[in-house]
């Protein structure tokens, strides 16, 4: 079983805010260096969890991005209606690699996902449910489509969406327990709670409403544990609790699209144009085919903007001064952006808050509200906690890990051989007798700089490497006057 708390960061898993999850963590394994995939937004991280792959491999580059195989010039929102269009126009290739649901189907096993978050997140869990089996339950739709009527007749309608989203979180728990576990007896059940993300976006990290939503979601997690205990299944069920990303407090919203247009970069397909897809604390950029000159001008412009953080360039454009290669992060691929930009961030604790970390928003999140998407450590470091017969007890893992490791670890616990994935099996946390020697660990730092208009722009990226798997820990940029 996988339980996801959208936007939960490690510092929030405390006995005060989340007594059930905190106690669960004490009995199981806490992964103290767990990481999101960049950009630190939901839909690509959900896709990474269920494929074990980086965005460049699985093909979901953000919450909003350019599907080059559908429209090379216009960003699309990764939501259910749009993904149905992608599926129709690409012969079913919503994702470019198999999901957990696809792999389980080969072994005749069932995958059921109950998602109270966005429809795009839900659709990515099992786009092939109508053809291969399994199920996705979401307030707006089900997969397969004809399942919706039976679910509503048996378990009632989803409550209306609100902030906090407590009623939908409770209904998701009901569906997980009553349908995914008791009715379907799914080999893998995945429930996604839309809190604390929804409340933190609306009210800020650590706000009273957001803290209340956290505690309410924790109580629903407790219901899951109680149900498993009541059925005598605790000793046979492995449970992984994860979040998709961490959080920061917004320093202010920057309309990066308008700023780029004002700086002389028109929309594609105009010559010298750029398509821009804001993703919270980051944005993705696409230039005309092979248009390295425009990319170079755009990088130089970004380097002068105080709200601009780290810059990662697709290797397909060669090397551009001041950027780092996108393949360091696993974002390069058929649908990968030409340039990925993190917004600037700091580790200041806002007045009246107990949580450090601020970043600019390229979306619509104003000052004081919560946001994510950047390469800050507050957003890239999220949670993973696991317990069950397959895991050690009372163990703190200092090994770096990431959302790309969820799928290969789940398949290993089920005794299934996975096809090659970017992530790895978290062998260091498995119970005795199942834990081979973990691979070696190294922290590498990459840097790049550029002087523009007598200002030196510099960036560094810190990346953990565990065997062949990489985890971005943080990427930071700074500016200083240059005599050059």
Foldseek 3Di string as FASTA:
>chain_A
DEEAAAAFFPVQLDCVLQVLVVVLQQWFEWAQFAFFFFLLFPQQLLLLLFFLAHCQQFVDQAQWADPCQVPQFAIDGLAVVVLVVVCVSVVHSSTNGDTLQQVCLVVVFEEEEEEADGRSSQCSRPVCCQPRNHKTHYLVAMVVRVCVVVCCVVLNHQDDADQVRLSNLLSSLVCCLVPVCVPRVGLHYYYYDHPPVVNLLVFNPADPSRSVSSNSNSVSVVVVVVSCVVVVNQQPDKYKYWYNWHKAFEPFEDQVVVVVVVVPADGPPDVLHWHWAFHWQKIFIAHPVLPLVSVLVVLLVLLPDQFWWAKEADCVNPDHFRHHHPVLSNQHHPRHGRMMIGTAKDQDADPPHPGTMYHHTNDPRGGRGMTGRGQALRTTHRIIGMDHQFFDTSYYHNDYAYSSQNNVQSCVVVVHDDDDRLHDHPLVGTDPPRRDDWADKDKDKDKGWDAHPQKIKIKIWIWMDGPRHIGTNGMGIDIDGHPD
